Amino acid sequence: MKVSQLIEKLNLSVFTSPDFEDRDVDGCYIGDLLSWVMGKAQSGNVWITIMNNVNIVAVATLTDASCILLCENVKADESVIEKANSQGIIILGSELNAYELASKLSGEI
């Protein structure tokens, strides 16, 4: 599945440039402790988190996450969006909590 398909199927908000939405999605990782995510998330994962600071972009880059999915109506700050766009990282959003998103993703990926 592509990130663009995920956006459509789950009705997700898109905070960053749509130029990066053709990345492949392969699995999901949920976590808010950045050092933990760096060691556990796998390439191609959708990373579900409530974290909203510029460091999430660095972690997504290091782990080669397909995208960052902010849950529970967390919005990306402008500085985070700018950094993500410059690094080619997709940031999405949803009103659903992490469990609800992971449940929906499990049926799609």
PDB file of N, CA and C in Angstrom:
ATOM      1  N   MET A   1       0.840  -1.171   0.000  1.00  0.00           N
ATOM      2  CA  MET A   1       0.000   0.000   0.000  1.00  0.00           C
ATOM      3  C   MET A   1       0.888   1.238   0.000  1.00  0.00           C
ATOM      4  N   LYS A   2       0.417   2.267  -0.640  1.00  0.00           N
ATOM      5  CA  LYS A   2       1.115   3.553  -0.691  1.00  0.00           C
ATOM      6  C   LYS A   2       0.535   4.488   0.370  1.00  0.00           C
ATOM      7  N   VAL A   3       1.326   5.457   0.780  1.00  0.00           N
ATOM      8  CA  VAL A   3       0.855   6.442   1.757  1.00  0.00           C
ATOM      9  C   VAL A   3      -0.380   7.164   1.227  1.00  0.00           C
ATOM     10  N   SER A   4      -0.408   7.487  -0.052  1.00  0.00           N
ATOM     11  CA  SER A   4      -1.571   8.179  -0.633  1.00  0.00           C
ATOM     12  C   SER A   4      -2.849   7.347  -0.478  1.00  0.00           C
ATOM     13  N   GLN A   5      -2.746   6.033  -0.608  1.00  0.00           N
ATOM     14  CA  GLN A   5      -3.904   5.161  -0.426  1.00  0.00           C
ATOM     15  C   GLN A   5      -4.326   5.127   1.041  1.00  0.00           C
ATOM     16  N   LEU A   6      -3.346   5.124   1.927  1.00  0.00           N
ATOM     17  CA  LEU A   6      -3.624   5.138   3.362  1.00  0.00           C
ATOM     18  C   LEU A   6      -4.379   6.409   3.759  1.00  0.00           C
ATOM     19  N   ILE A   7      -3.952   7.523   3.215  1.00  0.00           N
ATOM     20  CA  ILE A   7      -4.601   8.808   3.493  1.00  0.00           C
ATOM     21  C   ILE A   7      -6.072   8.745   3.104  1.00  0.00           C
ATOM     22  N   GLU A   8      -6.328   8.213   1.943  1.00  0.00           N
ATOM     23  CA  GLU A   8      -7.704   8.133   1.451  1.00  0.00           C
ATOM     24  C   GLU A   8      -8.546   7.161   2.272  1.00  0.00           C
ATOM     25  N   LYS A   9      -8.019   5.969   2.538  1.00  0.00           N
ATOM     26  CA  LYS A   9      -8.797   4.940   3.242  1.00  0.00           C
ATOM     27  C   LYS A   9      -9.126   5.322   4.676  1.00  0.00           C
ATOM     28  N   LEU A  10      -8.197   6.025   5.353  1.00  0.00           N
ATOM     29  CA  LEU A  10      -8.413   6.382   6.754  1.00  0.00           C
ATOM     30  C   LEU A  10      -8.842   7.838   6.940  1.00  0.00           C
ATOM     31  N   ASN A  11      -9.039   8.540   5.819  1.00  0.00           N
ATOM     32  CA  ASN A  11      -9.472   9.939   5.860  1.00  0.00           C
ATOM     33  C   ASN A  11      -8.544  10.781   6.748  1.00  0.00           C
ATOM     34  N   LEU A  12      -7.259  10.741   6.456  1.00  0.00           N
ATOM     35  CA  LEU A  12      -6.253  11.411   7.278  1.00  0.00           C
ATOM     36  C   LEU A  12      -5.997  12.835   6.805  1.00  0.00           C
ATOM     37  N   SER A  13      -5.637  13.693   7.741  1.00  0.00           N
ATOM     38  CA  SER A  13      -5.183  15.048   7.420  1.00  0.00           C
ATOM     39  C   SER A  13      -3.747  14.957   6.944  1.00  0.00           C
ATOM     40  N   VAL A  14      -3.370  15.850   6.042  1.00  0.00           N
ATOM     41  CA  VAL A  14      -1.997  15.887   5.536  1.00  0.00           C
ATOM     42  C   VAL A  14      -1.399  17.246   5.902  1.00  0.00           C
ATOM     43  N   PHE A  15      -0.319  17.214   6.673  1.00  0.00           N
ATOM     44  CA  PHE A  15       0.328  18.444   7.110  1.00  0.00           C
ATOM     45  C   PHE A  15       1.485  18.868   6.212  1.00  0.00           C
ATOM     46  N   THR A  16       2.056  17.924   5.480  1.00  0.00           N
ATOM     47  CA  THR A  16       3.244  18.208   4.681  1.00  0.00           C
ATOM     48  C   THR A  16       2.929  18.154   3.198  1.00  0.00           C
ATOM     49  N   SER A  17       3.944  18.380   2.393  1.00  0.00           N
ATOM     50  CA  SER A  17       3.799  18.394   0.951  1.00  0.00           C
ATOM     51  C   SER A  17       3.281  17.060   0.418  1.00  0.00           C
ATOM     52  N   PRO A  18       2.361  17.105  -0.530  1.00  0.00           N
ATOM     53  CA  PRO A  18       1.848  15.852  -1.107  1.00  0.00           C
ATOM     54  C   PRO A  18       2.850  15.173  -2.050  1.00  0.00           C
ATOM     55  N   ASP A  19       3.993  15.790  -2.281  1.00  0.00           N
ATOM     56  CA  ASP A  19       4.989  15.226  -3.200  1.00  0.00           C
ATOM     57  C   ASP A  19       5.567  13.908  -2.724  1.00  0.00           C
ATOM     58  N   PHE A  20       5.422  13.589  -1.436  1.00  0.00           N
ATOM     59  CA  PHE A  20       6.070  12.412  -0.871  1.00  0.00           C
ATOM     60  C   PHE A  20       5.106  11.249  -0.634  1.00  0.00           C
ATOM     61  N   GLU A  21       3.880  11.351  -1.090  1.00  0.00           N
ATOM     62  CA  GLU A  21       2.844  10.390  -0.720  1.00  0.00           C
ATOM     63  C   GLU A  21       2.907   9.059  -1.453  1.00  0.00           C
ATOM     64  N   ASP A  22       3.881   8.836  -2.304  1.00  0.00           N
ATOM     65  CA  ASP A  22       3.979   7.568  -3.016  1.00  0.00           C
ATOM     66  C   ASP A  22       4.903   6.565  -2.333  1.00  0.00           C
ATOM     67  N   ARG A  23       5.266   6.844  -1.093  1.00  0.00           N
ATOM     68  CA  ARG A  23       6.089   5.897  -0.335  1.00  0.00           C
ATOM     69  C   ARG A  23       5.278   4.649  -0.005  1.00  0.00           C
ATOM     70  N   ASP A  24       5.950   3.519   0.014  1.00  0.00           N
ATOM     71  CA  ASP A  24       5.297   2.269   0.398  1.00  0.00           C
ATOM     72  C   ASP A  24       5.142   2.195   1.912  1.00  0.00           C
ATOM     73  N   VAL A  25       4.041   1.609   2.346  1.00  0.00           N
ATOM     74  CA  VAL A  25       3.769   1.387   3.769  1.00  0.00           C
ATOM     75  C   VAL A  25       3.947  -0.098   4.054  1.00  0.00           C
ATOM     76  N   ASP A  26       4.749  -0.387   5.065  1.00  0.00           N
ATOM     77  CA  ASP A  26       4.987  -1.778   5.445  1.00  0.00           C
ATOM     78  C   ASP A  26       4.999  -1.869   6.970  1.00  0.00           C
ATOM     79  N   GLY A  27       3.845  -2.032   7.551  1.00  0.00           N
ATOM     80  CA  GLY A  27       3.749  -2.176   9.000  1.00  0.00           C
ATOM     81  C   GLY A  27       3.505  -0.869   9.719  1.00  0.00           C
ATOM     82  N   CYS A  28       3.496  -0.986  11.029  1.00  0.00           N
ATOM     83  CA  CYS A  28       3.144   0.139  11.888  1.00  0.00           C
ATOM     84  C   CYS A  28       3.929   0.034  13.188  1.00  0.00           C
ATOM     85  N   TYR A  29       4.321   1.179  13.720  1.00  0.00           N
ATOM     86  CA  TYR A  29       4.953   1.205  15.037  1.00  0.00           C
ATOM     87  C   TYR A  29       4.315   2.335  15.832  1.00  0.00           C
ATOM     88  N   ILE A  30       4.011   2.070  17.099  1.00  0.00           N
ATOM     89  CA  ILE A  30       3.416   3.074  17.983  1.00  0.00           C
ATOM     90  C   ILE A  30       4.402   3.365  19.096  1.00  0.00           C
ATOM     91  N   GLY A  31       4.712   4.636  19.297  1.00  0.00           N
ATOM     92  CA  GLY A  31       5.607   4.984  20.389  1.00  0.00           C
ATOM     93  C   GLY A  31       5.803   6.473  20.498  1.00  0.00           C
ATOM     94  N   ASP A  32       6.041   6.913  21.734  1.00  0.00           N
ATOM     95  CA  ASP A  32       6.253   8.331  22.006  1.00  0.00           C
ATOM     96  C   ASP A  32       7.626   8.627  22.604  1.00  0.00           C
ATOM     97  N   LEU A  33       8.340   7.604  23.006  1.00  0.00           N
ATOM     98  CA  LEU A  33       9.684   7.788  23.540  1.00  0.00           C
ATOM     99  C   LEU A  33      10.649   7.698  22.357  1.00  0.00           C
ATOM    100  N   LEU A  34      11.203   8.835  21.963  1.00  0.00           N
ATOM    101  CA  LEU A  34      11.950   8.912  20.716  1.00  0.00           C
ATOM    102  C   LEU A  34      13.111   7.930  20.642  1.00  0.00           C
ATOM    103  N   SER A  35      13.857   7.773  21.706  1.00  0.00           N
ATOM    104  CA  SER A  35      14.991   6.846  21.685  1.00  0.00           C
ATOM    105  C   SER A  35      14.515   5.405  21.500  1.00  0.00           C
ATOM    106  N   TRP A  36      13.376   5.086  22.050  1.00  0.00           N
ATOM    107  CA  TRP A  36      12.810   3.745  21.904  1.00  0.00           C
ATOM    108  C   TRP A  36      12.384   3.501  20.456  1.00  0.00           C
ATOM    109  N   VAL A  37      11.728   4.492  19.873  1.00  0.00           N
ATOM    110  CA  VAL A  37      11.279   4.382  18.483  1.00  0.00           C
ATOM    111  C   VAL A  37      12.485   4.217  17.560  1.00  0.00           C
ATOM    112  N   MET A  38      13.573   4.950  17.827  1.00  0.00           N
ATOM    113  CA  MET A  38      14.774   4.826  16.995  1.00  0.00           C
ATOM    114  C   MET A  38      15.308   3.405  16.975  1.00  0.00           C
ATOM    115  N   GLY A  39      15.188   2.708  18.080  1.00  0.00           N
ATOM    116  CA  GLY A  39      15.702   1.350  18.169  1.00  0.00           C
ATOM    117  C   GLY A  39      14.739   0.269  17.728  1.00  0.00           C
ATOM    118  N   LYS A  40      13.457   0.586  17.631  1.00  0.00           N
ATOM    119  CA  LYS A  40      12.453  -0.452  17.380  1.00  0.00           C
ATOM    120  C   LYS A  40      11.693  -0.324  16.053  1.00  0.00           C
ATOM    121  N   ALA A  41      11.441   0.889  15.598  1.00  0.00           N
ATOM    122  CA  ALA A  41      10.672   1.065  14.361  1.00  0.00           C
ATOM    123  C   ALA A  41      11.471   0.534  13.179  1.00  0.00           C
ATOM    124  N   GLN A  42      10.772   0.031  12.191  1.00  0.00           N
ATOM    125  CA  GLN A  42      11.418  -0.548  11.019  1.00  0.00           C
ATOM    126  C   GLN A  42      11.145   0.283   9.781  1.00  0.00           C
ATOM    127  N   SER A  43      12.004   0.133   8.819  1.00  0.00           N
ATOM    128  CA  SER A  43      11.863   0.841   7.556  1.00  0.00           C
ATOM    129  C   SER A  43      10.489   0.574   6.949  1.00  0.00           C
ATOM    130  N   GLY A  44       9.829   1.624   6.503  1.00  0.00           N
ATOM    131  CA  GLY A  44       8.521   1.497   5.877  1.00  0.00           C
ATOM    132  C   GLY A  44       7.346   1.543   6.824  1.00  0.00           C
ATOM    133  N   ASN A  45       7.618   1.557   8.133  1.00  0.00           N
ATOM    134  CA  ASN A  45       6.523   1.609   9.113  1.00  0.00           C
ATOM    135  C   ASN A  45       5.818   2.957   9.094  1.00  0.00           C
ATOM    136  N   VAL A  46       4.519   2.920   9.340  1.00  0.00           N
ATOM    137  CA  VAL A  46       3.773   4.115   9.724  1.00  0.00           C
ATOM    138  C   VAL A  46       4.081   4.286  11.206  1.00  0.00           C
ATOM    139  N   TRP A  47       4.562   5.455  11.591  1.00  0.00           N
ATOM    140  CA  TRP A  47       4.877   5.708  12.999  1.00  0.00           C
ATOM    141  C   TRP A  47       3.740   6.517  13.603  1.00  0.00           C
ATOM    142  N   ILE A  48       3.014   5.917  14.546  1.00  0.00           N
ATOM    143  CA  ILE A  48       1.901   6.576  15.225  1.00  0.00           C
ATOM    144  C   ILE A  48       2.407   7.141  16.546  1.00  0.00           C
ATOM    145  N   THR A  49       2.149   8.435  16.766  1.00  0.00           N
ATOM    146  CA  THR A  49       2.646   9.113  17.963  1.00  0.00           C
ATOM    147  C   THR A  49       1.790  10.331  18.296  1.00  0.00           C
ATOM    148  N   ILE A  50       1.980  10.830  19.508  1.00  0.00           N
ATOM    149  CA  ILE A  50       1.389  12.114  19.892  1.00  0.00           C
ATOM    150  C   ILE A  50       2.464  13.192  19.980  1.00  0.00           C
ATOM    151  N   MET A  51       3.721  12.795  19.755  1.00  0.00           N
ATOM    152  CA  MET A  51       4.829  13.753  19.840  1.00  0.00           C
ATOM    153  C   MET A  51       4.726  14.773  18.717  1.00  0.00           C
ATOM    154  N   ASN A  52       4.991  16.027  19.047  1.00  0.00           N
ATOM    155  CA  ASN A  52       4.924  17.088  18.044  1.00  0.00           C
ATOM    156  C   ASN A  52       6.057  18.076  18.277  1.00  0.00           C
ATOM    157  N   ASN A  53       7.260  17.640  17.992  1.00  0.00           N
ATOM    158  CA  ASN A  53       8.380  18.575  17.992  1.00  0.00           C
ATOM    159  C   ASN A  53       9.310  18.189  16.849  1.00  0.00           C
ATOM    160  N   VAL A  54      10.235  19.039  16.557  1.00  0.00           N
ATOM    161  CA  VAL A  54      11.089  18.857  15.384  1.00  0.00           C
ATOM    162  C   VAL A  54      11.892  17.557  15.446  1.00  0.00           C
ATOM    163  N   ASN A  55      12.091  17.007  16.617  1.00  0.00           N
ATOM    164  CA  ASN A  55      12.865  15.765  16.745  1.00  0.00           C
ATOM    165  C   ASN A  55      12.169  14.564  16.106  1.00  0.00           C
ATOM    166  N   ILE A  56      10.849  14.615  15.926  1.00  0.00           N
ATOM    167  CA  ILE A  56      10.165  13.494  15.285  1.00  0.00           C
ATOM    168  C   ILE A  56      10.614  13.337  13.835  1.00  0.00           C
ATOM    169  N   VAL A  57      10.973  14.441  13.215  1.00  0.00           N
ATOM    170  CA  VAL A  57      11.446  14.375  11.831  1.00  0.00           C
ATOM    171  C   VAL A  57      12.778  13.634  11.766  1.00  0.00           C
ATOM    172  N   ALA A  58      13.663  13.935  12.701  1.00  0.00           N
ATOM    173  CA  ALA A  58      14.957  13.246  12.743  1.00  0.00           C
ATOM    174  C   ALA A  58      14.780  11.754  12.974  1.00  0.00           C
ATOM    175  N   VAL A  59      13.890  11.391  13.884  1.00  0.00           N
ATOM    176  CA  VAL A  59      13.658   9.979  14.181  1.00  0.00           C
ATOM    177  C   VAL A  59      13.045   9.271  12.964  1.00  0.00           C
ATOM    178  N   ALA A  60      12.110   9.905  12.304  1.00  0.00           N
ATOM    179  CA  ALA A  60      11.505   9.308  11.109  1.00  0.00           C
ATOM    180  C   ALA A  60      12.542   9.128  10.007  1.00  0.00           C
ATOM    181  N   THR A  61      13.461  10.063   9.902  1.00  0.00           N
ATOM    182  CA  THR A  61      14.529   9.956   8.911  1.00  0.00           C
ATOM    183  C   THR A  61      15.457   8.793   9.255  1.00  0.00           C
ATOM    184  N   LEU A  62      15.858   8.702  10.509  1.00  0.00           N
ATOM    185  CA  LEU A  62      16.769   7.630  10.939  1.00  0.00           C
ATOM    186  C   LEU A  62      16.161   6.241  10.779  1.00  0.00           C
ATOM    187  N   THR A  63      14.879   6.117  11.041  1.00  0.00           N
ATOM    188  CA  THR A  63      14.225   4.812  10.967  1.00  0.00           C
ATOM    189  C   THR A  63      13.671   4.506   9.577  1.00  0.00           C
ATOM    190  N   ASP A  64      13.695   5.488   8.698  1.00  0.00           N
ATOM    191  CA  ASP A  64      13.130   5.364   7.350  1.00  0.00           C
ATOM    192  C   ASP A  64      11.638   5.040   7.407  1.00  0.00           C
ATOM    193  N   ALA A  65      10.937   5.693   8.330  1.00  0.00           N
ATOM    194  CA  ALA A  65       9.485   5.512   8.443  1.00  0.00           C
ATOM    195  C   ALA A  65       8.813   5.999   7.164  1.00  0.00           C
ATOM    196  N   SER A  66       7.745   5.325   6.771  1.00  0.00           N
ATOM    197  CA  SER A  66       7.020   5.763   5.572  1.00  0.00           C
ATOM    198  C   SER A  66       6.317   7.089   5.822  1.00  0.00           C
ATOM    199  N   CYS A  67       5.889   7.305   7.074  1.00  0.00           N
ATOM    200  CA  CYS A  67       5.250   8.560   7.458  1.00  0.00           C
ATOM    201  C   CYS A  67       5.109   8.611   8.968  1.00  0.00           C
ATOM    202  N   ILE A  68       4.833   9.805   9.460  1.00  0.00           N
ATOM    203  CA  ILE A  68       4.490  10.017  10.865  1.00  0.00           C
ATOM    204  C   ILE A  68       2.994  10.269  10.902  1.00  0.00           C
ATOM    205  N   LEU A  69       2.298   9.565  11.772  1.00  0.00           N
ATOM    206  CA  LEU A  69       0.853   9.736  11.911  1.00  0.00           C
ATOM    207  C   LEU A  69       0.550  10.232  13.316  1.00  0.00           C
ATOM    208  N   LEU A  70       0.210  11.514  13.419  1.00  0.00           N
ATOM    209  CA  LEU A  70      -0.138  12.124  14.698  1.00  0.00           C
ATOM    210  C   LEU A  70      -1.571  11.761  15.042  1.00  0.00           C
ATOM    211  N   CYS A  71      -1.768  11.193  16.215  1.00  0.00           N
ATOM    212  CA  CYS A  71      -3.099  10.760  16.608  1.00  0.00           C
ATOM    213  C   CYS A  71      -3.721  11.736  17.616  1.00  0.00           C
ATOM    214  N   GLU A  72      -4.982  11.503  17.944  1.00  0.00           N
ATOM    215  CA  GLU A  72      -5.722  12.256  18.956  1.00  0.00           C
ATOM    216  C   GLU A  72      -5.762  13.764  18.691  1.00  0.00           C
ATOM    217  N   ASN A  73      -5.916  14.127  17.424  1.00  0.00           N
ATOM    218  CA  ASN A  73      -6.032  15.526  17.008  1.00  0.00           C
ATOM    219  C   ASN A  73      -4.810  16.378  17.274  1.00  0.00           C
ATOM    220  N   VAL A  74      -3.656  15.762  17.438  1.00  0.00           N
ATOM    221  CA  VAL A  74      -2.415  16.529  17.575  1.00  0.00           C
ATOM    222  C   VAL A  74      -2.122  17.162  16.219  1.00  0.00           C
ATOM    223  N   LYS A  75      -1.780  18.431  16.229  1.00  0.00           N
ATOM    224  CA  LYS A  75      -1.470  19.165  15.007  1.00  0.00           C
ATOM    225  C   LYS A  75       0.033  19.407  14.925  1.00  0.00           C
ATOM    226  N   ALA A  76       0.564  19.358  13.732  1.00  0.00           N
ATOM    227  CA  ALA A  76       1.984  19.627  13.522  1.00  0.00           C
ATOM    228  C   ALA A  76       2.234  21.131  13.540  1.00  0.00           C
ATOM    229  N   ASP A  77       3.235  21.546  14.300  1.00  0.00           N
ATOM    230  CA  ASP A  77       3.639  22.956  14.322  1.00  0.00           C
ATOM    231  C   ASP A  77       4.294  23.330  12.999  1.00  0.00           C
ATOM    232  N   GLU A  78       4.279  24.607  12.690  1.00  0.00           N
ATOM    233  CA  GLU A  78       4.846  25.084  11.432  1.00  0.00           C
ATOM    234  C   GLU A  78       6.332  24.738  11.304  1.00  0.00           C
ATOM    235  N   SER A  79       7.091  24.836  12.381  1.00  0.00           N
ATOM    236  CA  SER A  79       8.521  24.509  12.322  1.00  0.00           C
ATOM    237  C   SER A  79       8.732  23.028  12.030  1.00  0.00           C
ATOM    238  N   VAL A  80       7.864  22.184  12.562  1.00  0.00           N
ATOM    239  CA  VAL A  80       7.947  20.746  12.301  1.00  0.00           C
ATOM    240  C   VAL A  80       7.604  20.463  10.840  1.00  0.00           C
ATOM    241  N   ILE A  81       6.584  21.115  10.335  1.00  0.00           N
ATOM    242  CA  ILE A  81       6.177  20.946   8.934  1.00  0.00           C
ATOM    243  C   ILE A  81       7.293  21.375   7.993  1.00  0.00           C
ATOM    244  N   GLU A  82       7.911  22.505   8.268  1.00  0.00           N
ATOM    245  CA  GLU A  82       9.010  22.992   7.425  1.00  0.00           C
ATOM    246  C   GLU A  82      10.167  22.003   7.399  1.00  0.00           C
ATOM    247  N   LYS A  83      10.544  21.496   8.559  1.00  0.00           N
ATOM    248  CA  LYS A  83      11.641  20.538   8.647  1.00  0.00           C
ATOM    249  C   LYS A  83      11.278  19.245   7.913  1.00  0.00           C
ATOM    250  N   ALA A  84      10.048  18.772   8.095  1.00  0.00           N
ATOM    251  CA  ALA A  84       9.605  17.544   7.429  1.00  0.00           C
ATOM    252  C   ALA A  84       9.632  17.713   5.910  1.00  0.00           C
ATOM    253  N   ASN A  85       9.148  18.836   5.425  1.00  0.00           N
ATOM    254  CA  ASN A  85       9.166  19.078   3.982  1.00  0.00           C
ATOM    255  C   ASN A  85      10.591  19.108   3.446  1.00  0.00           C
ATOM    256  N   SER A  86      11.514  19.683   4.195  1.00  0.00           N
ATOM    257  CA  SER A  86      12.901  19.758   3.739  1.00  0.00           C
ATOM    258  C   SER A  86      13.586  18.394   3.756  1.00  0.00           C
ATOM    259  N   GLN A  87      13.084  17.466   4.593  1.00  0.00           N
ATOM    260  CA  GLN A  87      13.676  16.132   4.707  1.00  0.00           C
ATOM    261  C   GLN A  87      12.892  15.056   3.947  1.00  0.00           C
ATOM    262  N   GLY A  88      11.777  15.425   3.339  1.00  0.00           N
ATOM    263  CA  GLY A  88      10.973  14.456   2.594  1.00  0.00           C
ATOM    264  C   GLY A  88      10.189  13.512   3.484  1.00  0.00           C
ATOM    265  N   ILE A  89       9.804  13.992   4.667  1.00  0.00           N
ATOM    266  CA  ILE A  89       9.042  13.183   5.622  1.00  0.00           C
ATOM    267  C   ILE A  89       7.571  13.595   5.571  1.00  0.00           C
ATOM    268  N   ILE A  90       6.695  12.618   5.498  1.00  0.00           N
ATOM    269  CA  ILE A  90       5.252  12.870   5.446  1.00  0.00           C
ATOM    270  C   ILE A  90       4.715  12.885   6.869  1.00  0.00           C
ATOM    271  N   ILE A  91       3.946  13.924   7.209  1.00  0.00           N
ATOM    272  CA  ILE A  91       3.269  13.978   8.503  1.00  0.00           C
ATOM    273  C   ILE A  91       1.771  14.037   8.246  1.00  0.00           C
ATOM    274  N   LEU A  92       1.068  13.088   8.855  1.00  0.00           N
ATOM    275  CA  LEU A  92      -0.377  12.965   8.723  1.00  0.00           C
ATOM    276  C   LEU A  92      -1.024  13.148  10.087  1.00  0.00           C
ATOM    277  N   GLY A  93      -2.330  13.301  10.112  1.00  0.00           N
ATOM    278  CA  GLY A  93      -3.037  13.451  11.381  1.00  0.00           C
ATOM    279  C   GLY A  93      -4.390  12.772  11.372  1.00  0.00           C
ATOM    280  N   SER A  94      -4.850  12.440  12.587  1.00  0.00           N
ATOM    281  CA  SER A  94      -6.155  11.812  12.763  1.00  0.00           C
ATOM    282  C   SER A  94      -6.700  12.163  14.135  1.00  0.00           C
ATOM    283  N   GLU A  95      -8.021  12.148  14.261  1.00  0.00           N
ATOM    284  CA  GLU A  95      -8.657  12.358  15.557  1.00  0.00           C
ATOM    285  C   GLU A  95      -8.685  11.062  16.374  1.00  0.00           C
ATOM    286  N   LEU A  96      -8.440   9.939  15.726  1.00  0.00           N
ATOM    287  CA  LEU A  96      -8.473   8.644  16.405  1.00  0.00           C
ATOM    288  C   LEU A  96      -7.278   8.465  17.329  1.00  0.00           C
ATOM    289  N   ASN A  97      -7.417   7.583  18.326  1.00  0.00           N
ATOM    290  CA  ASN A  97      -6.277   7.304  19.199  1.00  0.00           C
ATOM    291  C   ASN A  97      -5.401   6.228  18.557  1.00  0.00           C
ATOM    292  N   ALA A  98      -4.262   5.954  19.163  1.00  0.00           N
ATOM    293  CA  ALA A  98      -3.287   5.032  18.589  1.00  0.00           C
ATOM    294  C   ALA A  98      -3.875   3.633  18.391  1.00  0.00           C
ATOM    295  N   TYR A  99      -4.621   3.157  19.368  1.00  0.00           N
ATOM    296  CA  TYR A  99      -5.227   1.833  19.261  1.00  0.00           C
ATOM    297  C   TYR A  99      -6.189   1.763  18.070  1.00  0.00           C
ATOM    298  N   GLU A 100      -7.050   2.750  17.951  1.00  0.00           N
ATOM    299  CA  GLU A 100      -8.022   2.761  16.860  1.00  0.00           C
ATOM    300  C   GLU A 100      -7.320   2.798  15.502  1.00  0.00           C
ATOM    301  N   LEU A 101      -6.271   3.607  15.391  1.00  0.00           N
ATOM    302  CA  LEU A 101      -5.535   3.693  14.134  1.00  0.00           C
ATOM    303  C   LEU A 101      -4.837   2.375  13.804  1.00  0.00           C
ATOM    304  N   ALA A 102      -4.180   1.788  14.795  1.00  0.00           N
ATOM    305  CA  ALA A 102      -3.484   0.526  14.559  1.00  0.00           C
ATOM    306  C   ALA A 102      -4.474  -0.568  14.153  1.00  0.00           C
ATOM    307  N   SER A 103      -5.650  -0.566  14.779  1.00  0.00           N
ATOM    308  CA  SER A 103      -6.681  -1.550  14.423  1.00  0.00           C
ATOM    309  C   SER A 103      -7.099  -1.396  12.961  1.00  0.00           C
ATOM    310  N   LYS A 104      -7.305  -0.164  12.545  1.00  0.00           N
ATOM    311  CA  LYS A 104      -7.685   0.083  11.152  1.00  0.00           C
ATOM    312  C   LYS A 104      -6.552  -0.254  10.199  1.00  0.00           C
ATOM    313  N   LEU A 105      -5.337   0.056  10.590  1.00  0.00           N
ATOM    314  CA  LEU A 105      -4.179  -0.234   9.743  1.00  0.00           C
ATOM    315  C   LEU A 105      -3.981  -1.733   9.571  1.00  0.00           C
ATOM    316  N   SER A 106      -4.245  -2.506  10.606  1.00  0.00           N
ATOM    317  CA  SER A 106      -4.008  -3.945  10.527  1.00  0.00           C
ATOM    318  C   SER A 106      -4.856  -4.598   9.440  1.00  0.00           C
ATOM    319  N   GLY A 107      -5.975  -4.026   9.147  1.00  0.00           N
ATOM    320  CA  GLY A 107      -6.821  -4.559   8.084  1.00  0.00           C
ATOM    321  C   GLY A 107      -6.456  -4.053   6.707  1.00  0.00           C
ATOM    322  N   GLU A 108      -5.552  -3.095   6.629  1.00  0.00           N
ATOM    323  CA  GLU A 108      -5.204  -2.472   5.353  1.00  0.00           C
ATOM    324  C   GLU A 108      -3.800  -2.815   4.854  1.00  0.00           C
ATOM    325  N   ILE A 109      -2.883  -3.044   5.772  1.00  0.00           N
ATOM    326  CA  ILE A 109      -1.479  -3.244   5.385  1.00  0.00           C
ATOM    327  C   ILE A 109      -1.196  -4.724   5.214  1.00  0.00           C
TER     328      ILE A 109
END
